[in-house]
Amino acid sequence: MRYYLDLGTPYLNLNSVDGEYQDLVMWEQLPDAARAALNDSSNFGKAEVPFNDEHYEEHLDNAWPL
């Protein structure tokens, strides 16, 4: 997959280039300072962190099919 930003709109596209694999990092494995920073909405202006304590459950519920 490749990430693009076109006229302000981000999207992903499949390609044939092999990429790197990254280990999965669980929320509990993050250092306390990282979790605190992600939970502090003042760090990101108007942007919403979808996987912080405030928003995660809502996004998970919305991901389930009807």
N, C-alpha and C. Protein backbone atom coordinates (compact mmCIF):
# COMPACT_ATOMS: atom_id res chain seq x y z
N MET A 1 0.83 -1.16 0.00
CA MET A 1 0.00 0.00 0.00
C MET A 1 0.89 1.23 0.00
N ARG A 2 0.35 2.25 -0.57
CA ARG A 2 1.06 3.52 -0.61
C ARG A 2 0.11 4.63 -0.21
N TYR A 3 0.59 5.54 0.60
CA TYR A 3 -0.21 6.66 1.08
C TYR A 3 0.01 7.85 0.16
N TYR A 4 -1.09 8.47 -0.26
CA TYR A 4 -1.03 9.66 -1.12
C TYR A 4 -1.81 10.79 -0.47
N LEU A 5 -1.45 11.99 -0.81
CA LEU A 5 -2.21 13.17 -0.42
C LEU A 5 -2.42 13.97 -1.69
N ASP A 6 -3.67 14.01 -2.18
CA ASP A 6 -3.99 14.66 -3.44
C ASP A 6 -5.00 15.77 -3.21
N LEU A 7 -4.60 16.99 -3.46
CA LEU A 7 -5.47 18.15 -3.26
C LEU A 7 -6.08 18.17 -1.85
N GLY A 8 -5.27 17.80 -0.88
CA GLY A 8 -5.71 17.82 0.51
C GLY A 8 -6.49 16.60 0.95
N THR A 9 -6.71 15.63 0.05
CA THR A 9 -7.45 14.42 0.40
C THR A 9 -6.49 13.23 0.48
N PRO A 10 -6.37 12.59 1.65
CA PRO A 10 -5.48 11.44 1.76
C PRO A 10 -6.17 10.16 1.27
N TYR A 11 -5.40 9.27 0.66
CA TYR A 11 -5.94 7.97 0.28
C TYR A 11 -4.81 6.96 0.16
N LEU A 12 -5.18 5.69 0.14
CA LEU A 12 -4.23 4.59 0.01
C LEU A 12 -4.42 3.95 -1.35
N ASN A 13 -3.33 3.42 -1.89
CA ASN A 13 -3.38 2.75 -3.18
C ASN A 13 -2.50 1.51 -3.08
N LEU A 14 -2.93 0.42 -3.70
CA LEU A 14 -2.12 -0.79 -3.72
C LEU A 14 -1.02 -0.64 -4.76
N ASN A 15 0.16 -1.15 -4.44
CA ASN A 15 1.24 -1.15 -5.42
C ASN A 15 2.01 -2.45 -5.28
N SER A 16 3.00 -2.64 -6.11
CA SER A 16 3.74 -3.90 -6.11
C SER A 16 5.06 -3.82 -5.36
N VAL A 17 5.32 -2.71 -4.70
CA VAL A 17 6.57 -2.53 -3.97
C VAL A 17 6.44 -3.15 -2.58
N ASP A 18 7.38 -4.03 -2.25
CA ASP A 18 7.38 -4.62 -0.91
C ASP A 18 7.75 -3.56 0.12
N GLY A 19 7.03 -3.55 1.20
CA GLY A 19 7.31 -2.60 2.26
C GLY A 19 7.89 -3.28 3.48
N GLU A 20 7.88 -2.59 4.57
CA GLU A 20 8.38 -3.12 5.83
C GLU A 20 7.22 -3.61 6.68
N TYR A 21 7.51 -4.53 7.56
CA TYR A 21 6.53 -4.98 8.54
C TYR A 21 6.85 -4.34 9.87
N GLN A 22 5.83 -3.87 10.54
CA GLN A 22 6.00 -3.26 11.85
C GLN A 22 5.28 -4.12 12.89
N ASP A 23 5.90 -4.33 14.02
CA ASP A 23 5.27 -5.08 15.09
C ASP A 23 4.05 -4.34 15.61
N LEU A 24 3.04 -5.09 15.99
CA LEU A 24 1.85 -4.51 16.59
C LEU A 24 2.20 -4.03 18.00
N VAL A 25 1.81 -2.83 18.30
CA VAL A 25 2.05 -2.27 19.64
C VAL A 25 0.69 -2.08 20.30
N MET A 26 0.50 -2.74 21.41
CA MET A 26 -0.75 -2.63 22.16
C MET A 26 -0.73 -1.34 22.98
N TRP A 27 -1.92 -0.81 23.22
CA TRP A 27 -2.07 0.43 23.99
C TRP A 27 -1.34 0.34 25.32
N GLU A 28 -1.46 -0.80 25.98
CA GLU A 28 -0.85 -0.99 27.30
C GLU A 28 0.68 -1.02 27.22
N GLN A 29 1.23 -1.29 26.04
CA GLN A 29 2.68 -1.34 25.87
C GLN A 29 3.29 0.04 25.68
N LEU A 30 2.47 1.02 25.36
CA LEU A 30 2.99 2.38 25.18
C LEU A 30 3.45 2.93 26.53
N PRO A 31 4.50 3.71 26.53
CA PRO A 31 4.92 4.35 27.78
C PRO A 31 3.81 5.27 28.30
N ASP A 32 3.78 5.46 29.60
CA ASP A 32 2.77 6.33 30.20
C ASP A 32 2.75 7.71 29.55
N ALA A 33 3.92 8.24 29.24
CA ALA A 33 3.99 9.58 28.63
C ALA A 33 3.33 9.59 27.25
N ALA A 34 3.48 8.52 26.48
CA ALA A 34 2.86 8.45 25.15
C ALA A 34 1.35 8.38 25.26
N ARG A 35 0.85 7.54 26.17
CA ARG A 35 -0.61 7.43 26.35
C ARG A 35 -1.18 8.76 26.84
N ALA A 36 -0.49 9.42 27.75
CA ALA A 36 -0.96 10.72 28.25
C ALA A 36 -1.00 11.75 27.13
N ALA A 37 0.01 11.76 26.28
CA ALA A 37 0.05 12.72 25.17
C ALA A 37 -1.08 12.45 24.18
N LEU A 38 -1.36 11.19 23.87
CA LEU A 38 -2.43 10.85 22.93
C LEU A 38 -3.81 11.14 23.52
N ASN A 39 -3.94 11.07 24.82
CA ASN A 39 -5.22 11.36 25.48
C ASN A 39 -5.44 12.86 25.70
N ASP A 40 -4.42 13.67 25.53
CA ASP A 40 -4.53 15.12 25.74
C ASP A 40 -4.91 15.79 24.42
N SER A 41 -6.19 16.12 24.28
CA SER A 41 -6.69 16.67 23.01
C SER A 41 -6.06 18.01 22.65
N SER A 42 -5.49 18.72 23.61
CA SER A 42 -4.87 20.01 23.29
C SER A 42 -3.58 19.83 22.49
N ASN A 43 -3.05 18.61 22.42
CA ASN A 43 -1.83 18.36 21.66
C ASN A 43 -2.07 18.33 20.15
N PHE A 44 -3.32 18.18 19.71
CA PHE A 44 -3.58 17.93 18.30
C PHE A 44 -4.52 18.95 17.67
N GLY A 45 -4.79 20.04 18.33
CA GLY A 45 -5.66 21.06 17.76
C GLY A 45 -7.05 20.50 17.51
N LYS A 46 -7.55 20.65 16.28
CA LYS A 46 -8.88 20.16 15.93
C LYS A 46 -8.88 18.69 15.53
N ALA A 47 -7.71 18.09 15.39
CA ALA A 47 -7.62 16.68 14.99
C ALA A 47 -8.08 15.78 16.13
N GLU A 48 -8.69 14.66 15.77
CA GLU A 48 -9.17 13.69 16.76
C GLU A 48 -8.30 12.44 16.68
N VAL A 49 -7.76 12.02 17.81
CA VAL A 49 -7.00 10.77 17.87
C VAL A 49 -8.03 9.65 18.00
N PRO A 50 -8.19 8.79 16.98
CA PRO A 50 -9.27 7.80 17.00
C PRO A 50 -9.04 6.65 17.98
N PHE A 51 -7.83 6.47 18.46
CA PHE A 51 -7.56 5.32 19.32
C PHE A 51 -7.21 5.72 20.75
N ASN A 52 -7.59 6.92 21.17
CA ASN A 52 -7.34 7.28 22.56
C ASN A 52 -8.51 6.81 23.43
N ASP A 53 -8.39 6.97 24.72
CA ASP A 53 -9.41 6.47 25.65
C ASP A 53 -10.79 7.08 25.39
N GLU A 54 -10.82 8.33 24.94
CA GLU A 54 -12.10 9.01 24.74
C GLU A 54 -12.86 8.52 23.51
N HIS A 55 -12.16 8.18 22.44
CA HIS A 55 -12.82 7.90 21.17
C HIS A 55 -12.81 6.43 20.73
N TYR A 56 -11.96 5.61 21.31
CA TYR A 56 -11.76 4.25 20.81
C TYR A 56 -13.04 3.42 20.78
N GLU A 57 -13.77 3.36 21.89
CA GLU A 57 -14.98 2.53 21.95
C GLU A 57 -16.01 2.98 20.92
N GLU A 58 -16.17 4.28 20.75
CA GLU A 58 -17.12 4.81 19.76
C GLU A 58 -16.74 4.36 18.35
N HIS A 59 -15.47 4.46 18.01
CA HIS A 59 -15.02 4.05 16.67
C HIS A 59 -15.15 2.54 16.50
N LEU A 60 -14.88 1.80 17.54
CA LEU A 60 -15.03 0.35 17.47
C LEU A 60 -16.49 -0.04 17.27
N ASP A 61 -17.40 0.59 18.00
CA ASP A 61 -18.84 0.33 17.82
C ASP A 61 -19.29 0.68 16.41
N ASN A 62 -18.81 1.78 15.87
CA ASN A 62 -19.21 2.20 14.52
C ASN A 62 -18.64 1.29 13.43
N ALA A 63 -17.61 0.53 13.75
CA ALA A 63 -16.99 -0.35 12.75
C ALA A 63 -17.78 -1.64 12.56
N TRP A 64 -18.63 -2.00 13.51
CA TRP A 64 -19.41 -3.23 13.39
C TRP A 64 -20.48 -3.05 12.32
N PRO A 65 -20.71 -4.10 11.51
CA PRO A 65 -21.78 -3.99 10.50
C PRO A 65 -23.15 -3.92 11.17
N LEU A 66 -24.08 -3.33 10.47
CA LEU A 66 -25.44 -3.19 11.01
C LEU A 66 -26.14 -4.52 11.06
